Amino acid sequence: MDWVEATGTGTIYSITTVRIPVIADLTPPYLLALVDLDEGPRLLTNIEGEGASIGDRVRIAWRNRGSLPPLPIFKKDPR
């Protein structure tokens, strides 16, 4: 396994709506997706916003978590 420098853009490979509480930081319902980054790796991540579906282009965003490091999430790419 190697580190890969990534631009933060990709395509939704798979997506589901989580409707039960799993962790305190994410209040259901929320979108959980596998995102194929443009550089090749696949990442399990939260999709912020509504209306995302398989094949949509996404771009990285960051969720602040107080004293913890920011959490990488993705949003639909408006382009």
PDB file of N, CA and C in Angstrom:
ATOM      1  N   MET A   1       0.844  -1.159   0.000  1.00  0.00           N
ATOM      2  CA  MET A   1       0.000   0.000   0.000  1.00  0.00           C
ATOM      3  C   MET A   1       0.896   1.230   0.000  1.00  0.00           C
ATOM      4  N   ASP A   2       0.557   2.204  -0.834  1.00  0.00           N
ATOM      5  CA  ASP A   2       1.327   3.447  -0.946  1.00  0.00           C
ATOM      6  C   ASP A   2       0.412   4.650  -0.792  1.00  0.00           C
ATOM      7  N   TRP A   3       0.971   5.757  -0.298  1.00  0.00           N
ATOM      8  CA  TRP A   3       0.246   7.019  -0.273  1.00  0.00           C
ATOM      9  C   TRP A   3       0.121   7.525  -1.699  1.00  0.00           C
ATOM     10  N   VAL A   4      -1.037   8.102  -2.024  1.00  0.00           N
ATOM     11  CA  VAL A   4      -1.271   8.671  -3.346  1.00  0.00           C
ATOM     12  C   VAL A   4      -1.714  10.115  -3.156  1.00  0.00           C
ATOM     13  N   GLU A   5      -1.009  11.045  -3.790  1.00  0.00           N
ATOM     14  CA  GLU A   5      -1.435  12.441  -3.737  1.00  0.00           C
ATOM     15  C   GLU A   5      -2.678  12.590  -4.605  1.00  0.00           C
ATOM     16  N   ALA A   6      -3.705  13.212  -4.060  1.00  0.00           N
ATOM     17  CA  ALA A   6      -4.983  13.292  -4.765  1.00  0.00           C
ATOM     18  C   ALA A   6      -5.454  14.741  -4.887  1.00  0.00           C
ATOM     19  N   THR A   7      -6.196  15.015  -5.952  1.00  0.00           N
ATOM     20  CA  THR A   7      -6.714  16.363  -6.189  1.00  0.00           C
ATOM     21  C   THR A   7      -7.993  16.631  -5.409  1.00  0.00           C
ATOM     22  N   GLY A   8      -8.656  15.560  -4.927  1.00  0.00           N
ATOM     23  CA  GLY A   8      -9.890  15.741  -4.162  1.00  0.00           C
ATOM     24  C   GLY A   8     -11.143  15.693  -5.006  1.00  0.00           C
ATOM     25  N   THR A   9     -11.036  15.142  -6.206  1.00  0.00           N
ATOM     26  CA  THR A   9     -12.215  14.986  -7.065  1.00  0.00           C
ATOM     27  C   THR A   9     -12.392  13.518  -7.412  1.00  0.00           C
ATOM     28  N   GLY A  10     -13.643  13.139  -7.678  1.00  0.00           N
ATOM     29  CA  GLY A  10     -13.904  11.753  -8.021  1.00  0.00           C
ATOM     30  C   GLY A  10     -15.336  11.543  -8.468  1.00  0.00           C
ATOM     31  N   THR A  11     -15.726  10.267  -8.525  1.00  0.00           N
ATOM     32  CA  THR A  11     -17.037   9.859  -8.998  1.00  0.00           C
ATOM     33  C   THR A  11     -17.657   8.892  -7.993  1.00  0.00           C
ATOM     34  N   ILE A  12     -18.945   9.070  -7.718  1.00  0.00           N
ATOM     35  CA  ILE A  12     -19.626   8.164  -6.794  1.00  0.00           C
ATOM     36  C   ILE A  12     -19.773   6.795  -7.448  1.00  0.00           C
ATOM     37  N   TYR A  13     -19.231   5.775  -6.795  1.00  0.00           N
ATOM     38  CA  TYR A  13     -19.302   4.390  -7.263  1.00  0.00           C
ATOM     39  C   TYR A  13     -20.540   3.690  -6.694  1.00  0.00           C
ATOM     40  N   SER A  14     -20.831   3.967  -5.423  1.00  0.00           N
ATOM     41  CA  SER A  14     -21.966   3.354  -4.733  1.00  0.00           C
ATOM     42  C   SER A  14     -22.420   4.315  -3.642  1.00  0.00           C
ATOM     43  N   ILE A  15     -23.732   4.336  -3.339  1.00  0.00           N
ATOM     44  CA  ILE A  15     -24.240   5.278  -2.339  1.00  0.00           C
ATOM     45  C   ILE A  15     -25.452   4.680  -1.631  1.00  0.00           C
ATOM     46  N   THR A  16     -25.591   5.001  -0.347  1.00  0.00           N
ATOM     47  CA  THR A  16     -26.739   4.556   0.429  1.00  0.00           C
ATOM     48  C   THR A  16     -27.111   5.626   1.449  1.00  0.00           C
ATOM     49  N   THR A  17     -28.348   5.589   1.905  1.00  0.00           N
ATOM     50  CA  THR A  17     -28.803   6.483   2.954  1.00  0.00           C
ATOM     51  C   THR A  17     -28.797   5.725   4.272  1.00  0.00           C
ATOM     52  N   VAL A  18     -28.069   6.251   5.255  1.00  0.00           N
ATOM     53  CA  VAL A  18     -28.027   5.653   6.589  1.00  0.00           C
ATOM     54  C   VAL A  18     -29.131   6.297   7.413  1.00  0.00           C
ATOM     55  N   ARG A  19     -29.992   5.473   7.991  1.00  0.00           N
ATOM     56  CA  ARG A  19     -31.154   5.979   8.717  1.00  0.00           C
ATOM     57  C   ARG A  19     -31.130   5.669  10.209  1.00  0.00           C
ATOM     58  N   ILE A  20     -30.075   5.014  10.688  1.00  0.00           N
ATOM     59  CA  ILE A  20     -29.951   4.723  12.111  1.00  0.00           C
ATOM     60  C   ILE A  20     -28.720   5.420  12.664  1.00  0.00           C
ATOM     61  N   PRO A  21     -28.732   5.851  13.931  1.00  0.00           N
ATOM     62  CA  PRO A  21     -27.558   6.511  14.492  1.00  0.00           C
ATOM     63  C   PRO A  21     -26.408   5.519  14.674  1.00  0.00           C
ATOM     64  N   VAL A  22     -25.241   5.900  14.186  1.00  0.00           N
ATOM     65  CA  VAL A  22     -24.053   5.056  14.307  1.00  0.00           C
ATOM     66  C   VAL A  22     -23.005   5.756  15.167  1.00  0.00           C
ATOM     67  N   ILE A  23     -22.756   7.038  14.869  1.00  0.00           N
ATOM     68  CA  ILE A  23     -21.829   7.840  15.675  1.00  0.00           C
ATOM     69  C   ILE A  23     -22.468   9.209  15.933  1.00  0.00           C
ATOM     70  N   ALA A  24     -22.029   9.848  16.996  1.00  0.00           N
ATOM     71  CA  ALA A  24     -22.634  11.120  17.413  1.00  0.00           C
ATOM     72  C   ALA A  24     -22.433  12.246  16.390  1.00  0.00           C
ATOM     73  N   ASP A  25     -21.339  12.190  15.620  1.00  0.00           N
ATOM     74  CA  ASP A  25     -21.035  13.263  14.660  1.00  0.00           C
ATOM     75  C   ASP A  25     -21.978  13.290  13.457  1.00  0.00           C
ATOM     76  N   LEU A  26     -22.666  12.183  13.202  1.00  0.00           N
ATOM     77  CA  LEU A  26     -23.532  12.100  12.022  1.00  0.00           C
ATOM     78  C   LEU A  26     -24.961  11.781  12.449  1.00  0.00           C
ATOM     79  N   THR A  27     -25.833  12.759  12.299  1.00  0.00           N
ATOM     80  CA  THR A  27     -27.235  12.583  12.641  1.00  0.00           C
ATOM     81  C   THR A  27     -27.992  12.054  11.426  1.00  0.00           C
ATOM     82  N   PRO A  28     -28.663  10.912  11.553  1.00  0.00           N
ATOM     83  CA  PRO A  28     -29.396  10.358  10.412  1.00  0.00           C
ATOM     84  C   PRO A  28     -30.575  11.245  10.018  1.00  0.00           C
ATOM     85  N   PRO A  29     -31.014  11.170   8.776  1.00  0.00           N
ATOM     86  CA  PRO A  29     -30.410  10.374   7.712  1.00  0.00           C
ATOM     87  C   PRO A  29     -29.222  11.113   7.085  1.00  0.00           C
ATOM     88  N   TYR A  30     -28.247  10.338   6.607  1.00  0.00           N
ATOM     89  CA  TYR A  30     -27.113  10.923   5.889  1.00  0.00           C
ATOM     90  C   TYR A  30     -26.667   9.958   4.798  1.00  0.00           C
ATOM     91  N   LEU A  31     -25.928  10.495   3.834  1.00  0.00           N
ATOM     92  CA  LEU A  31     -25.475   9.693   2.698  1.00  0.00           C
ATOM     93  C   LEU A  31     -24.067   9.177   2.944  1.00  0.00           C
ATOM     94  N   LEU A  32     -23.864   7.899   2.688  1.00  0.00           N
ATOM     95  CA  LEU A  32     -22.567   7.251   2.790  1.00  0.00           C
ATOM     96  C   LEU A  32     -22.257   6.668   1.424  1.00  0.00           C
ATOM     97  N   ALA A  33     -21.044   6.918   0.932  1.00  0.00           N
ATOM     98  CA  ALA A  33     -20.732   6.502  -0.436  1.00  0.00           C
ATOM     99  C   ALA A  33     -19.311   5.979  -0.568  1.00  0.00           C
ATOM    100  N   LEU A  34     -19.129   5.146  -1.584  1.00  0.00           N
ATOM    101  CA  LEU A  34     -17.795   4.804  -2.057  1.00  0.00           C
ATOM    102  C   LEU A  34     -17.517   5.746  -3.220  1.00  0.00           C
ATOM    103  N   VAL A  35     -16.408   6.476  -3.116  1.00  0.00           N
ATOM    104  CA  VAL A  35     -16.028   7.431  -4.152  1.00  0.00           C
ATOM    105  C   VAL A  35     -14.737   6.957  -4.805  1.00  0.00           C
ATOM    106  N   ASP A  36     -14.762   6.830  -6.131  1.00  0.00           N
ATOM    107  CA  ASP A  36     -13.550   6.531  -6.888  1.00  0.00           C
ATOM    108  C   ASP A  36     -12.836   7.840  -7.142  1.00  0.00           C
ATOM    109  N   LEU A  37     -11.698   8.036  -6.469  1.00  0.00           N
ATOM    110  CA  LEU A  37     -10.919   9.249  -6.711  1.00  0.00           C
ATOM    111  C   LEU A  37     -10.337   9.199  -8.116  1.00  0.00           C
ATOM    112  N   ASP A  38     -10.115  10.361  -8.718  1.00  0.00           N
ATOM    113  CA  ASP A  38      -9.596  10.428 -10.086  1.00  0.00           C
ATOM    114  C   ASP A  38      -8.237   9.744 -10.214  1.00  0.00           C
ATOM    115  N   GLU A  39      -7.482   9.674  -9.120  1.00  0.00           N
ATOM    116  CA  GLU A  39      -6.150   9.073  -9.144  1.00  0.00           C
ATOM    117  C   GLU A  39      -6.191   7.553  -8.978  1.00  0.00           C
ATOM    118  N   GLY A  40      -7.387   6.975  -8.716  1.00  0.00           N
ATOM    119  CA  GLY A  40      -7.504   5.527  -8.640  1.00  0.00           C
ATOM    120  C   GLY A  40      -8.046   4.955  -7.346  1.00  0.00           C
ATOM    121  N   PRO A  41      -7.585   5.420  -6.172  1.00  0.00           N
ATOM    122  CA  PRO A  41      -8.096   4.817  -4.931  1.00  0.00           C
ATOM    123  C   PRO A  41      -9.595   5.035  -4.744  1.00  0.00           C
ATOM    124  N   ARG A  42     -10.213   4.125  -4.011  1.00  0.00           N
ATOM    125  CA  ARG A  42     -11.640   4.215  -3.672  1.00  0.00           C
ATOM    126  C   ARG A  42     -11.737   4.547  -2.189  1.00  0.00           C
ATOM    127  N   LEU A  43     -12.598   5.504  -1.827  1.00  0.00           N
ATOM    128  CA  LEU A  43     -12.700   6.017  -0.470  1.00  0.00           C
ATOM    129  C   LEU A  43     -14.128   5.924   0.033  1.00  0.00           C
ATOM    130  N   LEU A  44     -14.327   5.381   1.248  1.00  0.00           N
ATOM    131  CA  LEU A  44     -15.629   5.380   1.908  1.00  0.00           C
ATOM    132  C   LEU A  44     -15.778   6.719   2.609  1.00  0.00           C
ATOM    133  N   THR A  45     -16.856   7.445   2.333  1.00  0.00           N
ATOM    134  CA  THR A  45     -16.980   8.807   2.825  1.00  0.00           C
ATOM    135  C   THR A  45     -18.440   9.225   2.956  1.00  0.00           C
ATOM    136  N   ASN A  46     -18.641  10.336   3.623  1.00  0.00           N
ATOM    137  CA  ASN A  46     -19.950  10.950   3.766  1.00  0.00           C
ATOM    138  C   ASN A  46     -20.152  11.924   2.614  1.00  0.00           C
ATOM    139  N   ILE A  47     -21.363  11.937   2.033  1.00  0.00           N
ATOM    140  CA  ILE A  47     -21.700  12.896   0.980  1.00  0.00           C
ATOM    141  C   ILE A  47     -22.623  13.938   1.600  1.00  0.00           C
ATOM    142  N   GLU A  48     -22.219  15.187   1.544  1.00  0.00           N
ATOM    143  CA  GLU A  48     -23.023  16.269   2.109  1.00  0.00           C
ATOM    144  C   GLU A  48     -23.958  16.821   1.043  1.00  0.00           C
ATOM    145  N   GLY A  49     -25.195  17.082   1.439  1.00  0.00           N
ATOM    146  CA  GLY A  49     -26.178  17.617   0.511  1.00  0.00           C
ATOM    147  C   GLY A  49     -27.153  16.530   0.091  1.00  0.00           C
ATOM    148  N   GLU A  50     -28.054  16.888  -0.786  1.00  0.00           N
ATOM    149  CA  GLU A  50     -29.096  15.960  -1.224  1.00  0.00           C
ATOM    150  C   GLU A  50     -28.984  15.701  -2.718  1.00  0.00           C
ATOM    151  N   GLY A  51     -29.622  14.646  -3.154  1.00  0.00           N
ATOM    152  CA  GLY A  51     -29.742  14.386  -4.580  1.00  0.00           C
ATOM    153  C   GLY A  51     -28.525  13.783  -5.234  1.00  0.00           C
ATOM    154  N   ALA A  52     -27.576  13.258  -4.478  1.00  0.00           N
ATOM    155  CA  ALA A  52     -26.405  12.623  -5.073  1.00  0.00           C
ATOM    156  C   ALA A  52     -26.770  11.203  -5.492  1.00  0.00           C
ATOM    157  N   SER A  53     -26.156  10.747  -6.591  1.00  0.00           N
ATOM    158  CA  SER A  53     -26.427   9.387  -7.059  1.00  0.00           C
ATOM    159  C   SER A  53     -25.183   8.815  -7.734  1.00  0.00           C
ATOM    160  N   ILE A  54     -25.241   7.511  -8.001  1.00  0.00           N
ATOM    161  CA  ILE A  54     -24.120   6.820  -8.645  1.00  0.00           C
ATOM    162  C   ILE A  54     -23.768   7.531  -9.946  1.00  0.00           C
ATOM    163  N   GLY A  55     -22.474   7.740 -10.156  1.00  0.00           N
ATOM    164  CA  GLY A  55     -21.991   8.395 -11.375  1.00  0.00           C
ATOM    165  C   GLY A  55     -21.790   9.888 -11.235  1.00  0.00           C
ATOM    166  N   ASP A  56     -22.316  10.497 -10.169  1.00  0.00           N
ATOM    167  CA  ASP A  56     -22.141  11.941  -9.971  1.00  0.00           C
ATOM    168  C   ASP A  56     -20.684  12.268  -9.657  1.00  0.00           C
ATOM    169  N   ARG A  57     -20.258  13.403 -10.171  1.00  0.00           N
ATOM    170  CA  ARG A  57     -18.925  13.913  -9.851  1.00  0.00           C
ATOM    171  C   ARG A  57     -18.995  14.616  -8.493  1.00  0.00           C
ATOM    172  N   VAL A  58     -17.947  14.429  -7.675  1.00  0.00           N
ATOM    173  CA  VAL A  58     -17.890  15.033  -6.348  1.00  0.00           C
ATOM    174  C   VAL A  58     -16.529  15.680  -6.113  1.00  0.00           C
ATOM    175  N   ARG A  59     -16.521  16.585  -5.139  1.00  0.00           N
ATOM    176  CA  ARG A  59     -15.304  17.320  -4.775  1.00  0.00           C
ATOM    177  C   ARG A  59     -15.185  17.300  -3.256  1.00  0.00           C
ATOM    178  N   ILE A  60     -13.963  17.226  -2.769  1.00  0.00           N
ATOM    179  CA  ILE A  60     -13.721  17.160  -1.326  1.00  0.00           C
ATOM    180  C   ILE A  60     -14.111  18.458  -0.623  1.00  0.00           C
ATOM    181  N   ALA A  61     -14.584  18.310   0.587  1.00  0.00           N
ATOM    182  CA  ALA A  61     -14.869  19.428   1.498  1.00  0.00           C
ATOM    183  C   ALA A  61     -14.404  18.953   2.873  1.00  0.00           C
ATOM    184  N   TRP A  62     -14.413  19.815   3.844  1.00  0.00           N
ATOM    185  CA  TRP A  62     -13.916  19.447   5.171  1.00  0.00           C
ATOM    186  C   TRP A  62     -14.943  19.797   6.223  1.00  0.00           C
ATOM    187  N   ARG A  63     -15.231  18.858   7.128  1.00  0.00           N
ATOM    188  CA  ARG A  63     -16.153  19.098   8.238  1.00  0.00           C
ATOM    189  C   ARG A  63     -15.310  19.339   9.496  1.00  0.00           C
ATOM    190  N   ASN A  64     -15.454  20.535  10.082  1.00  0.00           N
ATOM    191  CA  ASN A  64     -14.738  20.849  11.323  1.00  0.00           C
ATOM    192  C   ASN A  64     -15.318  20.036  12.465  1.00  0.00           C
ATOM    193  N   ARG A  65     -14.426  19.581  13.369  1.00  0.00           N
ATOM    194  CA  ARG A  65     -14.861  18.763  14.495  1.00  0.00           C
ATOM    195  C   ARG A  65     -14.254  19.260  15.807  1.00  0.00           C
ATOM    196  N   GLY A  66     -14.238  20.571  16.003  1.00  0.00           N
ATOM    197  CA  GLY A  66     -13.717  21.132  17.248  1.00  0.00           C
ATOM    198  C   GLY A  66     -12.236  20.860  17.418  1.00  0.00           C
ATOM    199  N   SER A  67     -11.869  20.154  18.487  1.00  0.00           N
ATOM    200  CA  SER A  67     -10.455  19.897  18.774  1.00  0.00           C
ATOM    201  C   SER A  67      -9.898  18.718  17.973  1.00  0.00           C
ATOM    202  N   LEU A  68     -10.748  17.974  17.276  1.00  0.00           N
ATOM    203  CA  LEU A  68     -10.293  16.851  16.454  1.00  0.00           C
ATOM    204  C   LEU A  68      -9.898  17.351  15.061  1.00  0.00           C
ATOM    205  N   PRO A  69      -9.086  16.578  14.336  1.00  0.00           N
ATOM    206  CA  PRO A  69      -8.745  16.973  12.964  1.00  0.00           C
ATOM    207  C   PRO A  69     -10.008  17.032  12.109  1.00  0.00           C
ATOM    208  N   PRO A  70     -10.024  17.890  11.077  1.00  0.00           N
ATOM    209  CA  PRO A  70     -11.203  17.961  10.202  1.00  0.00           C
ATOM    210  C   PRO A  70     -11.430  16.631   9.495  1.00  0.00           C
ATOM    211  N   LEU A  71     -12.696  16.353   9.197  1.00  0.00           N
ATOM    212  CA  LEU A  71     -13.089  15.110   8.546  1.00  0.00           C
ATOM    213  C   LEU A  71     -13.296  15.365   7.058  1.00  0.00           C
ATOM    214  N   PRO A  72     -12.626  14.596   6.180  1.00  0.00           N
ATOM    215  CA  PRO A  72     -12.858  14.782   4.748  1.00  0.00           C
ATOM    216  C   PRO A  72     -14.224  14.212   4.361  1.00  0.00           C
ATOM    217  N   ILE A  73     -15.027  15.024   3.710  1.00  0.00           N
ATOM    218  CA  ILE A  73     -16.327  14.618   3.189  1.00  0.00           C
ATOM    219  C   ILE A  73     -16.377  15.066   1.728  1.00  0.00           C
ATOM    220  N   PHE A  74     -17.425  14.733   1.040  1.00  0.00           N
ATOM    221  CA  PHE A  74     -17.532  15.144  -0.359  1.00  0.00           C
ATOM    222  C   PHE A  74     -18.876  15.802  -0.613  1.00  0.00           C
ATOM    223  N   LYS A  75     -18.894  16.711  -1.604  1.00  0.00           N
ATOM    224  CA  LYS A  75     -20.100  17.380  -2.074  1.00  0.00           C
ATOM    225  C   LYS A  75     -20.175  17.207  -3.574  1.00  0.00           C
ATOM    226  N   LYS A  76     -21.409  17.237  -4.122  1.00  0.00           N
ATOM    227  CA  LYS A  76     -21.557  17.176  -5.578  1.00  0.00           C
ATOM    228  C   LYS A  76     -20.796  18.331  -6.210  1.00  0.00           C
ATOM    229  N   ASP A  77     -20.090  18.028  -7.283  1.00  0.00           N
ATOM    230  CA  ASP A  77     -19.340  19.050  -8.005  1.00  0.00           C
ATOM    231  C   ASP A  77     -20.323  19.806  -8.898  1.00  0.00           C
ATOM    232  N   PRO A  78     -20.421  21.127  -8.726  1.00  0.00           N
ATOM    233  CA  PRO A  78     -21.418  21.895  -9.484  1.00  0.00           C
ATOM    234  C   PRO A  78     -21.133  21.981 -10.985  1.00  0.00           C
ATOM    235  N   ARG A  79     -19.930  21.585 -11.410  1.00  0.00           N
ATOM    236  CA  ARG A  79     -19.606  21.685 -12.837  1.00  0.00           C
ATOM    237  C   ARG A  79     -20.231  20.604 -13.657  1.00  0.00           C
TER     238      ARG A  79
END
